[in-house]
Amino acid sequence: MGFAYVVEHMEEDEETTHALPRWVELEYNHMRSFAGENATVKFTHLSCTASASLKERFAGQSTRTALLAAASCHQIGVLEVMAECGVPLDKVCLLDPKAEKELAPEDGDGRFAWFLFGGIAGDDPPRDRTSELRGLGFPTRHLGPIQMTTDTALGVTKIIVEDKVRLSDIPYIDHPTIRFNARESVEMPFRYIADGKEPRLPPGMKEHLHEDLNQSFEF
């Protein structure tokens, strides 16, 4: 088994009515595709309802697609999951925008076993949610100065540490305008991995954004 990518969930979930916002669900699901079949994606610090709904969603897909990373959902935080798995602090790399060192291909040569993301990093402007993890003493690396969505950050990390491509050599699209038709579009305030001339969005995200845009005009 390859690396583990860990997302310490920091959204304020609604415990009683619904689990995860649709856009969060789409991004979390996209992470399994980015990580690939040899990796594991662990989601930690989930609410009870978020954990249950995410497990249900993942279970419905694992039988259909063999190229997805294995996934696990935890209500406990990353430190407790590390203790359960016997992973020491110095083997976990926190992806931190304020880190001094850039993530490099050499960081995938056995120095780290897990790569940790704080978020979901979907705020504009950013709220520095990683600060809650920064004080725990993890080794840190950054992915450049432009904010990425969390699924993009995971995808970039995988490309660097597993595919051995340097951060500056990955093709990006910054702040793309997503066009739905001749009159409707929305600008996304993030950096994405480029897929040709288009940003690599989670499957279903463009449709969700269009629905969101239409709802915002309903009175």
N, C-alpha and C. Protein backbone atom coordinates (compact mmCIF):
# COMPACT_ATOMS: atom_id res chain seq x y z
N MET A 1 0.86 -1.20 0.00
CA MET A 1 0.00 0.00 0.00
C MET A 1 0.89 1.24 0.00
N GLY A 2 0.47 2.27 -0.73
CA GLY A 2 1.26 3.49 -0.84
C GLY A 2 1.01 4.44 0.31
N PHE A 3 1.11 5.71 0.01
CA PHE A 3 0.96 6.74 1.03
C PHE A 3 -0.48 6.83 1.53
N ALA A 4 -0.62 7.43 2.71
CA ALA A 4 -1.94 7.80 3.20
C ALA A 4 -2.05 9.33 3.14
N TYR A 5 -3.16 9.78 2.61
CA TYR A 5 -3.49 11.21 2.57
C TYR A 5 -4.62 11.44 3.57
N VAL A 6 -4.39 12.34 4.51
CA VAL A 6 -5.32 12.51 5.63
C VAL A 6 -5.92 13.91 5.59
N VAL A 7 -7.23 13.98 5.66
CA VAL A 7 -7.93 15.27 5.69
C VAL A 7 -8.58 15.42 7.06
N GLU A 8 -8.07 16.35 7.85
CA GLU A 8 -8.67 16.65 9.14
C GLU A 8 -9.84 17.62 8.87
N HIS A 9 -11.05 17.10 8.96
CA HIS A 9 -12.24 17.87 8.60
C HIS A 9 -12.47 19.00 9.60
N MET A 10 -12.63 20.21 9.09
CA MET A 10 -12.79 21.37 9.96
C MET A 10 -14.02 22.19 9.66
N GLU A 11 -14.91 21.64 8.86
CA GLU A 11 -16.18 22.32 8.62
C GLU A 11 -17.07 22.19 9.85
N GLU A 12 -17.96 23.11 10.03
CA GLU A 12 -18.93 23.04 11.13
C GLU A 12 -20.19 22.36 10.60
N ASP A 13 -20.22 21.04 10.71
CA ASP A 13 -21.33 20.27 10.16
C ASP A 13 -22.58 20.43 11.00
N GLU A 14 -23.69 20.33 10.35
CA GLU A 14 -24.98 20.29 11.04
C GLU A 14 -25.23 18.87 11.51
N GLU A 15 -25.31 18.67 12.80
CA GLU A 15 -25.39 17.32 13.36
C GLU A 15 -26.75 16.66 13.14
N THR A 16 -27.81 17.44 13.03
CA THR A 16 -29.13 16.84 13.09
C THR A 16 -29.88 16.78 11.77
N THR A 17 -29.61 17.71 10.84
CA THR A 17 -30.45 17.76 9.65
C THR A 17 -29.79 17.10 8.43
N HIS A 18 -28.59 17.52 8.11
CA HIS A 18 -27.91 16.92 6.98
C HIS A 18 -26.43 16.76 7.32
N ALA A 19 -25.71 16.05 6.49
CA ALA A 19 -24.33 15.73 6.83
C ALA A 19 -23.34 16.73 6.24
N LEU A 20 -23.01 16.57 4.99
CA LEU A 20 -22.01 17.42 4.35
C LEU A 20 -22.63 18.24 3.24
N PRO A 21 -22.19 19.49 3.08
CA PRO A 21 -22.62 20.25 1.90
C PRO A 21 -22.23 19.50 0.64
N ARG A 22 -23.01 19.66 -0.41
CA ARG A 22 -22.78 18.92 -1.64
C ARG A 22 -21.38 19.16 -2.20
N TRP A 23 -20.90 20.40 -2.16
CA TRP A 23 -19.60 20.70 -2.75
C TRP A 23 -18.47 20.02 -1.98
N VAL A 24 -18.63 19.90 -0.66
CA VAL A 24 -17.62 19.22 0.15
C VAL A 24 -17.60 17.74 -0.22
N GLU A 25 -18.78 17.15 -0.35
CA GLU A 25 -18.89 15.74 -0.73
C GLU A 25 -18.21 15.48 -2.08
N LEU A 26 -18.43 16.38 -3.02
CA LEU A 26 -17.83 16.21 -4.35
C LEU A 26 -16.31 16.30 -4.28
N GLU A 27 -15.79 17.25 -3.51
CA GLU A 27 -14.34 17.38 -3.37
C GLU A 27 -13.75 16.18 -2.66
N TYR A 28 -14.39 15.72 -1.59
CA TYR A 28 -13.87 14.58 -0.85
C TYR A 28 -13.85 13.33 -1.73
N ASN A 29 -14.86 13.18 -2.53
CA ASN A 29 -14.90 12.02 -3.42
C ASN A 29 -13.80 12.12 -4.49
N HIS A 30 -13.55 13.33 -4.96
CA HIS A 30 -12.52 13.55 -5.99
C HIS A 30 -11.13 13.18 -5.47
N MET A 31 -10.93 13.30 -4.17
CA MET A 31 -9.62 13.00 -3.58
C MET A 31 -9.24 11.54 -3.80
N ARG A 32 -10.22 10.66 -3.80
CA ARG A 32 -9.92 9.24 -4.01
C ARG A 32 -9.41 9.00 -5.42
N SER A 33 -9.94 9.72 -6.37
CA SER A 33 -9.49 9.62 -7.75
C SER A 33 -8.08 10.19 -7.90
N PHE A 34 -7.83 11.34 -7.28
CA PHE A 34 -6.51 11.96 -7.34
C PHE A 34 -5.45 11.05 -6.71
N ALA A 35 -5.76 10.47 -5.56
CA ALA A 35 -4.78 9.67 -4.81
C ALA A 35 -4.43 8.38 -5.54
N GLY A 36 -5.41 7.77 -6.20
CA GLY A 36 -5.15 6.57 -6.98
C GLY A 36 -5.24 5.29 -6.17
N GLU A 37 -5.24 4.18 -6.88
CA GLU A 37 -5.58 2.89 -6.29
C GLU A 37 -4.56 2.36 -5.30
N ASN A 38 -3.34 2.87 -5.31
CA ASN A 38 -2.32 2.37 -4.39
C ASN A 38 -2.27 3.12 -3.08
N ALA A 39 -3.10 4.14 -2.93
CA ALA A 39 -3.06 4.99 -1.75
C ALA A 39 -4.31 4.79 -0.88
N THR A 40 -4.28 5.45 0.27
CA THR A 40 -5.43 5.49 1.17
C THR A 40 -5.74 6.94 1.48
N VAL A 41 -7.02 7.28 1.54
CA VAL A 41 -7.43 8.61 1.98
C VAL A 41 -8.22 8.45 3.28
N LYS A 42 -7.76 9.12 4.32
CA LYS A 42 -8.42 9.04 5.62
C LYS A 42 -9.07 10.39 5.92
N PHE A 43 -10.35 10.36 6.27
CA PHE A 43 -11.08 11.56 6.65
C PHE A 43 -11.29 11.51 8.16
N THR A 44 -10.73 12.47 8.89
CA THR A 44 -10.77 12.46 10.35
C THR A 44 -11.58 13.63 10.89
N HIS A 45 -11.98 13.50 12.14
CA HIS A 45 -12.71 14.56 12.84
C HIS A 45 -14.05 14.87 12.19
N LEU A 46 -14.70 13.85 11.67
CA LEU A 46 -16.02 14.02 11.07
C LEU A 46 -17.10 13.94 12.14
N SER A 47 -18.20 14.63 11.91
CA SER A 47 -19.36 14.46 12.78
C SER A 47 -19.96 13.08 12.52
N CYS A 48 -20.83 12.64 13.40
CA CYS A 48 -21.46 11.34 13.26
C CYS A 48 -22.23 11.25 11.94
N THR A 49 -23.01 12.28 11.62
CA THR A 49 -23.81 12.26 10.40
C THR A 49 -22.94 12.34 9.16
N ALA A 50 -21.89 13.16 9.20
CA ALA A 50 -20.98 13.28 8.05
C ALA A 50 -20.27 11.96 7.79
N SER A 51 -19.81 11.33 8.86
CA SER A 51 -19.11 10.05 8.72
C SER A 51 -20.02 9.00 8.10
N ALA A 52 -21.25 8.92 8.58
CA ALA A 52 -22.18 7.91 8.07
C ALA A 52 -22.52 8.14 6.60
N SER A 53 -22.78 9.38 6.21
CA SER A 53 -23.17 9.66 4.83
C SER A 53 -22.00 9.46 3.87
N LEU A 54 -20.79 9.82 4.32
CA LEU A 54 -19.62 9.66 3.49
C LEU A 54 -19.30 8.18 3.29
N LYS A 55 -19.41 7.39 4.34
CA LYS A 55 -19.19 5.94 4.23
C LYS A 55 -20.19 5.33 3.24
N GLU A 56 -21.42 5.78 3.32
CA GLU A 56 -22.45 5.25 2.42
C GLU A 56 -22.13 5.60 0.97
N ARG A 57 -21.70 6.82 0.75
CA ARG A 57 -21.36 7.25 -0.61
C ARG A 57 -20.17 6.46 -1.15
N PHE A 58 -19.15 6.29 -0.33
CA PHE A 58 -17.97 5.56 -0.77
C PHE A 58 -18.29 4.08 -1.05
N ALA A 59 -19.11 3.50 -0.21
CA ALA A 59 -19.46 2.08 -0.37
C ALA A 59 -20.16 1.84 -1.70
N GLY A 60 -20.95 2.81 -2.16
CA GLY A 60 -21.66 2.66 -3.41
C GLY A 60 -20.77 2.76 -4.63
N GLN A 61 -19.53 3.27 -4.45
CA GLN A 61 -18.65 3.48 -5.59
C GLN A 61 -17.52 2.48 -5.68
N SER A 62 -17.08 1.95 -4.54
CA SER A 62 -15.88 1.14 -4.54
C SER A 62 -16.01 -0.10 -5.40
N THR A 63 -17.21 -0.61 -5.55
CA THR A 63 -17.41 -1.81 -6.36
C THR A 63 -17.42 -1.50 -7.85
N ARG A 64 -17.65 -0.22 -8.20
CA ARG A 64 -17.76 0.13 -9.61
C ARG A 64 -16.44 0.59 -10.22
N THR A 65 -15.55 1.13 -9.38
CA THR A 65 -14.33 1.72 -9.90
C THR A 65 -13.12 1.19 -9.16
N ALA A 66 -12.19 0.61 -9.90
CA ALA A 66 -11.03 0.00 -9.26
C ALA A 66 -9.87 0.98 -9.09
N LEU A 67 -9.94 2.16 -9.70
CA LEU A 67 -8.81 3.09 -9.67
C LEU A 67 -8.87 4.09 -8.52
N LEU A 68 -9.86 3.96 -7.66
CA LEU A 68 -9.99 4.87 -6.53
C LEU A 68 -9.16 4.40 -5.35
N ALA A 69 -8.64 5.36 -4.59
CA ALA A 69 -7.95 5.03 -3.34
C ALA A 69 -8.94 4.44 -2.35
N ALA A 70 -8.45 3.57 -1.49
CA ALA A 70 -9.27 3.11 -0.37
C ALA A 70 -9.55 4.31 0.53
N ALA A 71 -10.71 4.33 1.16
CA ALA A 71 -11.07 5.46 2.02
C ALA A 71 -11.57 4.98 3.37
N SER A 72 -11.29 5.76 4.40
CA SER A 72 -11.83 5.46 5.73
C SER A 72 -12.30 6.75 6.37
N CYS A 73 -13.35 6.65 7.16
CA CYS A 73 -13.98 7.81 7.80
C CYS A 73 -13.88 7.65 9.31
N HIS A 74 -13.46 8.69 9.99
CA HIS A 74 -13.22 8.62 11.44
C HIS A 74 -13.84 9.83 12.13
N GLN A 75 -14.47 9.59 13.26
CA GLN A 75 -14.97 10.70 14.07
C GLN A 75 -13.89 11.25 15.00
N ILE A 76 -12.85 10.45 15.25
CA ILE A 76 -11.73 10.92 16.07
C ILE A 76 -10.79 11.76 15.22
N GLY A 77 -9.93 12.54 15.86
CA GLY A 77 -9.01 13.41 15.16
C GLY A 77 -7.77 12.67 14.69
N VAL A 78 -6.93 13.38 13.93
CA VAL A 78 -5.77 12.75 13.31
C VAL A 78 -4.79 12.20 14.33
N LEU A 79 -4.59 12.87 15.47
CA LEU A 79 -3.63 12.37 16.45
C LEU A 79 -4.06 11.00 16.99
N GLU A 80 -5.36 10.83 17.21
CA GLU A 80 -5.86 9.54 17.70
C GLU A 80 -5.74 8.45 16.62
N VAL A 81 -5.99 8.83 15.37
CA VAL A 81 -5.85 7.86 14.28
C VAL A 81 -4.38 7.46 14.12
N MET A 82 -3.48 8.43 14.27
CA MET A 82 -2.05 8.12 14.21
C MET A 82 -1.66 7.14 15.31
N ALA A 83 -2.19 7.38 16.52
CA ALA A 83 -1.87 6.49 17.64
C ALA A 83 -2.38 5.07 17.39
N GLU A 84 -3.58 4.97 16.83
CA GLU A 84 -4.15 3.66 16.52
C GLU A 84 -3.32 2.92 15.48
N CYS A 85 -2.75 3.67 14.53
CA CYS A 85 -1.99 3.05 13.43
C CYS A 85 -0.49 2.97 13.72
N GLY A 86 -0.06 3.51 14.85
CA GLY A 86 1.36 3.47 15.20
C GLY A 86 2.23 4.34 14.32
N VAL A 87 1.70 5.48 13.88
CA VAL A 87 2.46 6.40 13.01
C VAL A 87 2.98 7.56 13.85
N PRO A 88 4.31 7.74 13.92
CA PRO A 88 4.87 8.83 14.73
C PRO A 88 4.72 10.19 14.05
N LEU A 89 4.81 11.24 14.85
CA LEU A 89 4.60 12.61 14.38
C LEU A 89 5.55 12.98 13.24
N ASP A 90 6.80 12.54 13.34
CA ASP A 90 7.77 12.96 12.32
C ASP A 90 7.60 12.27 10.97
N LYS A 91 6.66 11.32 10.89
CA LYS A 91 6.36 10.65 9.63
C LYS A 91 5.13 11.25 8.94
N VAL A 92 4.57 12.30 9.53
CA VAL A 92 3.37 12.95 8.98
C VAL A 92 3.74 14.36 8.54
N CYS A 93 3.54 14.64 7.26
CA CYS A 93 3.84 15.97 6.72
C CYS A 93 2.56 16.78 6.62
N LEU A 94 2.54 17.92 7.30
CA LEU A 94 1.40 18.84 7.23
C LEU A 94 1.60 19.80 6.07
N LEU A 95 0.66 19.82 5.14
CA LEU A 95 0.71 20.79 4.04
C LEU A 95 0.19 22.12 4.56
N ASP A 96 1.11 23.06 4.71
CA ASP A 96 0.83 24.32 5.41
C ASP A 96 1.27 25.49 4.53
N PRO A 97 0.34 26.38 4.16
CA PRO A 97 0.72 27.53 3.32
C PRO A 97 1.82 28.40 3.93
N LYS A 98 1.99 28.32 5.26
CA LYS A 98 3.00 29.15 5.93
C LYS A 98 4.31 28.41 6.18
N ALA A 99 4.44 27.20 5.65
CA ALA A 99 5.68 26.43 5.83
C ALA A 99 6.84 27.13 5.11
N GLU A 100 8.04 26.92 5.62
CA GLU A 100 9.22 27.52 5.00
C GLU A 100 9.66 26.76 3.75
N LYS A 101 9.49 25.42 3.75
CA LYS A 101 9.99 24.60 2.66
C LYS A 101 8.88 24.18 1.71
N GLU A 102 9.19 24.15 0.44
CA GLU A 102 8.26 23.68 -0.60
C GLU A 102 8.29 22.15 -0.65
N LEU A 103 7.13 21.54 -0.86
CA LEU A 103 7.08 20.09 -1.03
C LEU A 103 7.86 19.70 -2.28
N ALA A 104 8.69 18.67 -2.15
CA ALA A 104 9.56 18.25 -3.26
C ALA A 104 9.45 16.75 -3.47
N PRO A 105 9.84 16.26 -4.66
CA PRO A 105 9.77 14.82 -4.92
C PRO A 105 10.55 13.98 -3.90
N GLU A 106 11.63 14.54 -3.35
CA GLU A 106 12.42 13.81 -2.36
C GLU A 106 11.62 13.51 -1.09
N ASP A 107 10.58 14.29 -0.84
CA ASP A 107 9.75 14.06 0.35
C ASP A 107 8.94 12.78 0.24
N GLY A 108 8.91 12.19 -0.94
CA GLY A 108 8.22 10.92 -1.13
C GLY A 108 9.15 9.72 -1.09
N ASP A 109 10.39 9.93 -0.67
CA ASP A 109 11.39 8.87 -0.68
C ASP A 109 11.53 8.16 0.67
N GLY A 110 10.47 8.13 1.45
CA GLY A 110 10.50 7.44 2.72
C GLY A 110 10.55 8.33 3.94
N ARG A 111 10.74 9.63 3.71
CA ARG A 111 10.78 10.57 4.82
C ARG A 111 9.43 10.64 5.53
N PHE A 112 8.37 10.60 4.73
CA PHE A 112 7.01 10.69 5.28
C PHE A 112 6.17 9.51 4.82
N ALA A 113 5.21 9.13 5.67
CA ALA A 113 4.26 8.06 5.33
C ALA A 113 2.87 8.62 5.08
N TRP A 114 2.55 9.70 5.79
CA TRP A 114 1.24 10.34 5.66
C TRP A 114 1.42 11.79 5.27
N PHE A 115 0.46 12.31 4.52
CA PHE A 115 0.41 13.73 4.17
C PHE A 115 -0.93 14.28 4.65
N LEU A 116 -0.85 15.32 5.46
CA LEU A 116 -2.02 15.82 6.21
C LEU A 116 -2.47 17.17 5.67
N PHE A 117 -3.79 17.29 5.48
CA PHE A 117 -4.40 18.53 4.98
C PHE A 117 -5.42 19.01 6.00
N GLY A 118 -5.38 20.29 6.30
CA GLY A 118 -6.37 20.87 7.21
C GLY A 118 -7.44 21.56 6.41
N GLY A 119 -8.64 21.22 6.64
CA GLY A 119 -9.67 21.92 5.84
C GLY A 119 -10.96 21.15 5.86
N ILE A 120 -11.88 21.80 5.20
CA ILE A 120 -11.72 21.96 3.76
C ILE A 120 -11.35 23.42 3.46
N ALA A 121 -10.38 23.60 2.60
CA ALA A 121 -9.84 24.93 2.36
C ALA A 121 -10.64 25.64 1.29
N GLY A 122 -11.90 25.91 1.56
CA GLY A 122 -12.75 26.49 0.55
C GLY A 122 -13.15 27.92 0.83
N ASP A 123 -12.43 28.59 1.72
CA ASP A 123 -12.82 29.94 2.09
C ASP A 123 -12.13 30.97 1.22
N ASP A 124 -12.85 32.02 0.87
CA ASP A 124 -12.29 33.13 0.13
C ASP A 124 -12.80 34.42 0.79
N PRO A 125 -11.93 35.17 1.51
CA PRO A 125 -10.49 34.90 1.69
C PRO A 125 -10.24 33.73 2.65
N PRO A 126 -9.03 33.14 2.58
CA PRO A 126 -8.72 31.99 3.43
C PRO A 126 -8.80 32.34 4.91
N ARG A 127 -9.22 31.36 5.71
CA ARG A 127 -9.33 31.58 7.16
C ARG A 127 -8.20 30.92 7.95
N ASP A 128 -7.21 30.38 7.27
CA ASP A 128 -6.07 29.74 7.92
C ASP A 128 -6.50 28.68 8.93
N ARG A 129 -7.31 27.75 8.48
CA ARG A 129 -7.74 26.67 9.37
C ARG A 129 -6.58 25.75 9.74
N THR A 130 -5.54 25.77 8.93
CA THR A 130 -4.38 24.93 9.21
C THR A 130 -3.71 25.32 10.52
N SER A 131 -3.97 26.54 11.00
CA SER A 131 -3.34 27.00 12.24
C SER A 131 -3.65 26.08 13.41
N GLU A 132 -4.82 25.42 13.39
CA GLU A 132 -5.18 24.52 14.47
C GLU A 132 -4.27 23.29 14.50
N LEU A 133 -3.73 22.91 13.36
CA LEU A 133 -2.82 21.76 13.29
C LEU A 133 -1.36 22.18 13.41
N ARG A 134 -1.07 23.42 13.07
CA ARG A 134 0.31 23.89 13.03
C ARG A 134 1.00 23.77 14.39
N GLY A 135 0.25 24.02 15.44
CA GLY A 135 0.83 24.01 16.77
C GLY A 135 1.11 22.64 17.34
N LEU A 136 0.77 21.58 16.61
CA LEU A 136 0.94 20.22 17.13
C LEU A 136 2.33 19.65 16.85
N GLY A 137 3.14 20.36 16.05
CA GLY A 137 4.52 19.96 15.88
C GLY A 137 4.84 19.12 14.66
N PHE A 138 3.92 19.04 13.70
CA PHE A 138 4.19 18.27 12.49
C PHE A 138 5.29 18.93 11.65
N PRO A 139 6.11 18.15 10.95
CA PRO A 139 6.94 18.73 9.89
C PRO A 139 6.01 19.33 8.83
N THR A 140 6.42 20.41 8.19
CA THR A 140 5.51 21.10 7.27
C THR A 140 6.18 21.34 5.91
N ARG A 141 5.33 21.43 4.89
CA ARG A 141 5.74 21.82 3.54
C ARG A 141 4.62 22.67 2.94
N HIS A 142 4.97 23.52 1.97
CA HIS A 142 3.93 24.33 1.31
C HIS A 142 3.84 23.96 -0.16
N LEU A 143 2.73 24.40 -0.78
CA LEU A 143 2.46 24.12 -2.20
C LEU A 143 2.36 25.41 -3.00
N GLY A 144 3.12 26.41 -2.62
CA GLY A 144 3.11 27.66 -3.37
C GLY A 144 2.19 28.69 -2.77
N PRO A 145 2.18 29.91 -3.33
CA PRO A 145 1.49 31.04 -2.72
C PRO A 145 0.01 31.17 -3.04
N ILE A 146 -0.50 30.41 -4.01
CA ILE A 146 -1.89 30.59 -4.44
C ILE A 146 -2.76 29.50 -3.84
N GLN A 147 -3.87 29.91 -3.23
CA GLN A 147 -4.74 28.95 -2.55
C GLN A 147 -5.35 27.95 -3.52
N MET A 148 -5.32 26.68 -3.09
CA MET A 148 -5.94 25.60 -3.85
C MET A 148 -7.13 25.06 -3.09
N THR A 149 -8.05 24.43 -3.79
CA THR A 149 -9.06 23.64 -3.11
C THR A 149 -8.35 22.44 -2.48
N THR A 150 -8.96 21.82 -1.48
CA THR A 150 -8.27 20.73 -0.78
C THR A 150 -8.04 19.54 -1.69
N ASP A 151 -9.00 19.23 -2.57
CA ASP A 151 -8.78 18.10 -3.47
C ASP A 151 -7.63 18.39 -4.44
N THR A 152 -7.51 19.64 -4.90
CA THR A 152 -6.39 20.02 -5.76
C THR A 152 -5.07 19.88 -5.00
N ALA A 153 -5.04 20.35 -3.74
CA ALA A 153 -3.82 20.24 -2.93
C ALA A 153 -3.40 18.79 -2.77
N LEU A 154 -4.37 17.91 -2.58
CA LEU A 154 -4.05 16.49 -2.47
C LEU A 154 -3.51 15.96 -3.80
N GLY A 155 -4.16 16.35 -4.89
CA GLY A 155 -3.71 15.91 -6.22
C GLY A 155 -2.30 16.38 -6.53
N VAL A 156 -2.00 17.63 -6.20
CA VAL A 156 -0.66 18.18 -6.42
C VAL A 156 0.36 17.43 -5.57
N THR A 157 0.01 17.16 -4.31
CA THR A 157 0.91 16.42 -3.42
C THR A 157 1.23 15.05 -4.00
N LYS A 158 0.21 14.35 -4.48
CA LYS A 158 0.40 13.03 -5.07
C LYS A 158 1.33 13.11 -6.28
N ILE A 159 1.11 14.07 -7.14
CA ILE A 159 1.94 14.21 -8.34
C ILE A 159 3.40 14.45 -7.97
N ILE A 160 3.62 15.23 -6.90
CA ILE A 160 4.99 15.54 -6.48
C ILE A 160 5.66 14.33 -5.84
N VAL A 161 5.01 13.73 -4.83
CA VAL A 161 5.71 12.70 -4.04
C VAL A 161 5.68 11.32 -4.69
N GLU A 162 4.67 11.05 -5.51
CA GLU A 162 4.58 9.73 -6.15
C GLU A 162 5.05 9.76 -7.61
N ASP A 163 4.64 10.77 -8.36
CA ASP A 163 5.01 10.84 -9.77
C ASP A 163 6.34 11.58 -9.99
N LYS A 164 6.85 12.20 -8.90
CA LYS A 164 8.17 12.86 -8.92
C LYS A 164 8.24 14.05 -9.87
N VAL A 165 7.17 14.82 -9.91
CA VAL A 165 7.13 16.05 -10.70
C VAL A 165 7.26 17.24 -9.75
N ARG A 166 8.11 18.18 -10.07
CA ARG A 166 8.30 19.33 -9.19
C ARG A 166 7.07 20.26 -9.24
N LEU A 167 6.86 20.96 -8.14
CA LEU A 167 5.70 21.85 -8.00
C LEU A 167 5.58 22.80 -9.17
N SER A 168 6.70 23.38 -9.59
CA SER A 168 6.68 24.39 -10.65
C SER A 168 6.44 23.80 -12.04
N ASP A 169 6.56 22.47 -12.17
CA ASP A 169 6.39 21.83 -13.47
C ASP A 169 4.98 21.29 -13.70
N ILE A 170 4.13 21.37 -12.70
CA ILE A 170 2.75 20.92 -12.84
C ILE A 170 1.95 22.01 -13.56
N PRO A 171 1.15 21.68 -14.56
CA PRO A 171 0.36 22.71 -15.24
C PRO A 171 -0.85 23.13 -14.39
N TYR A 172 -1.04 24.43 -14.24
CA TYR A 172 -2.13 24.96 -13.43
C TYR A 172 -3.01 25.91 -14.23
N ILE A 173 -4.21 26.10 -13.71
CA ILE A 173 -5.08 27.19 -14.16
C ILE A 173 -5.50 27.94 -12.90
N ASP A 174 -5.19 29.23 -12.86
CA ASP A 174 -5.50 30.05 -11.68
C ASP A 174 -6.77 30.85 -11.91
N HIS A 175 -7.64 30.84 -10.90
CA HIS A 175 -8.86 31.65 -10.90
C HIS A 175 -9.66 31.52 -12.19
N PRO A 176 -9.99 30.30 -12.58
CA PRO A 176 -10.68 30.11 -13.86
C PRO A 176 -12.12 30.62 -13.84
N THR A 177 -12.59 31.00 -14.99
CA THR A 177 -14.00 31.34 -15.16
C THR A 177 -14.71 30.12 -15.72
N ILE A 178 -15.69 29.62 -14.98
CA ILE A 178 -16.45 28.46 -15.40
C ILE A 178 -17.68 28.96 -16.15
N ARG A 179 -17.78 28.64 -17.43
CA ARG A 179 -18.89 29.13 -18.26
C ARG A 179 -19.94 28.03 -18.42
N PHE A 180 -21.18 28.39 -18.17
CA PHE A 180 -22.28 27.44 -18.29
C PHE A 180 -23.01 27.60 -19.63
N ASN A 181 -23.08 28.84 -20.10
CA ASN A 181 -23.69 29.16 -21.39
C ASN A 181 -23.23 30.56 -21.77
N ALA A 182 -23.83 31.13 -22.79
CA ALA A 182 -23.38 32.43 -23.29
C ALA A 182 -23.54 33.55 -22.27
N ARG A 183 -24.47 33.39 -21.33
CA ARG A 183 -24.76 34.48 -20.39
C ARG A 183 -24.36 34.19 -18.95
N GLU A 184 -24.14 32.94 -18.62
CA GLU A 184 -23.89 32.59 -17.22
C GLU A 184 -22.49 32.02 -17.02
N SER A 185 -21.79 32.56 -16.03
CA SER A 185 -20.46 32.06 -15.69
C SER A 185 -20.16 32.42 -14.24
N VAL A 186 -19.14 31.79 -13.70
CA VAL A 186 -18.71 32.10 -12.34
C VAL A 186 -17.20 31.98 -12.28
N GLU A 187 -16.54 32.92 -11.58
CA GLU A 187 -15.09 32.85 -11.43
C GLU A 187 -14.75 32.16 -10.12
N MET A 188 -13.85 31.20 -10.18
CA MET A 188 -13.43 30.45 -9.00
C MET A 188 -12.13 31.04 -8.46
N PRO A 189 -12.06 31.38 -7.17
CA PRO A 189 -10.89 32.09 -6.64
C PRO A 189 -9.76 31.16 -6.17
N PHE A 190 -9.51 30.08 -6.93
CA PHE A 190 -8.52 29.09 -6.51
C PHE A 190 -7.62 28.69 -7.66
N ARG A 191 -6.55 27.98 -7.33
CA ARG A 191 -5.68 27.35 -8.32
C ARG A 191 -6.12 25.91 -8.52
N TYR A 192 -6.16 25.47 -9.77
CA TYR A 192 -6.53 24.10 -10.11
C TYR A 192 -5.45 23.47 -10.98
N ILE A 193 -5.37 22.15 -10.97
CA ILE A 193 -4.54 21.44 -11.93
C ILE A 193 -5.21 21.56 -13.31
N ALA A 194 -4.41 21.83 -14.32
CA ALA A 194 -4.96 21.99 -15.67
C ALA A 194 -5.18 20.63 -16.31
N ASP A 195 -6.31 20.51 -16.97
CA ASP A 195 -6.62 19.35 -17.80
C ASP A 195 -6.81 19.89 -19.21
N GLY A 196 -5.72 20.02 -19.94
CA GLY A 196 -5.77 20.76 -21.20
C GLY A 196 -5.97 22.23 -20.90
N LYS A 197 -7.02 22.81 -21.46
CA LYS A 197 -7.32 24.22 -21.21
C LYS A 197 -8.37 24.41 -20.11
N GLU A 198 -8.78 23.31 -19.50
CA GLU A 198 -9.82 23.38 -18.47
C GLU A 198 -9.27 23.01 -17.10
N PRO A 199 -9.83 23.57 -16.02
CA PRO A 199 -9.41 23.16 -14.68
C PRO A 199 -9.95 21.77 -14.35
N ARG A 200 -9.21 21.02 -13.59
CA ARG A 200 -9.65 19.68 -13.21
C ARG A 200 -10.57 19.79 -11.99
N LEU A 201 -11.85 19.84 -12.27
CA LEU A 201 -12.87 19.96 -11.23
C LEU A 201 -13.38 18.58 -10.83
N PRO A 202 -13.92 18.43 -9.62
CA PRO A 202 -14.57 17.17 -9.26
C PRO A 202 -15.73 16.87 -10.20
N PRO A 203 -15.93 15.61 -10.58
CA PRO A 203 -17.11 15.27 -11.38
C PRO A 203 -18.39 15.73 -10.68
N GLY A 204 -19.26 16.42 -11.42
CA GLY A 204 -20.50 16.93 -10.85
C GLY A 204 -20.40 18.34 -10.30
N MET A 205 -19.18 18.89 -10.17
CA MET A 205 -19.03 20.21 -9.55
C MET A 205 -19.57 21.32 -10.46
N LYS A 206 -19.34 21.22 -11.77
CA LYS A 206 -19.82 22.28 -12.68
C LYS A 206 -21.34 22.36 -12.63
N GLU A 207 -22.01 21.20 -12.62
CA GLU A 207 -23.47 21.18 -12.54
C GLU A 207 -23.94 21.76 -11.20
N HIS A 208 -23.21 21.43 -10.14
CA HIS A 208 -23.58 21.94 -8.81
C HIS A 208 -23.43 23.46 -8.75
N LEU A 209 -22.35 23.97 -9.33
CA LEU A 209 -22.13 25.42 -9.34
C LEU A 209 -23.23 26.13 -10.13
N HIS A 210 -23.67 25.52 -11.22
CA HIS A 210 -24.74 26.11 -12.03
C HIS A 210 -26.05 26.14 -11.25
N GLU A 211 -26.34 25.06 -10.56
CA GLU A 211 -27.55 25.02 -9.72
C GLU A 211 -27.48 26.09 -8.64
N ASP A 212 -26.30 26.22 -8.04
CA ASP A 212 -26.11 27.23 -6.99
C ASP A 212 -26.32 28.63 -7.54
N LEU A 213 -25.80 28.87 -8.74
CA LEU A 213 -25.94 30.17 -9.37
C LEU A 213 -27.41 30.47 -9.64
N ASN A 214 -28.14 29.51 -10.15
CA ASN A 214 -29.56 29.71 -10.43
C ASN A 214 -30.36 29.96 -9.16
N GLN A 215 -30.03 29.24 -8.09
CA GLN A 215 -30.73 29.43 -6.82
C GLN A 215 -30.50 30.82 -6.24
N SER A 216 -29.31 31.36 -6.49
CA SER A 216 -29.00 32.68 -5.93
C SER A 216 -29.83 33.78 -6.57
N PHE A 217 -30.43 33.49 -7.73
CA PHE A 217 -31.25 34.49 -8.40
C PHE A 217 -32.74 34.30 -8.13
N GLU A 218 -33.06 33.29 -7.32
CA GLU A 218 -34.47 33.06 -6.98
C GLU A 218 -34.86 33.88 -5.76
N PHE A 219 -35.98 34.56 -5.87
CA PHE A 219 -36.44 35.41 -4.75
C PHE A 219 -37.82 34.94 -4.31
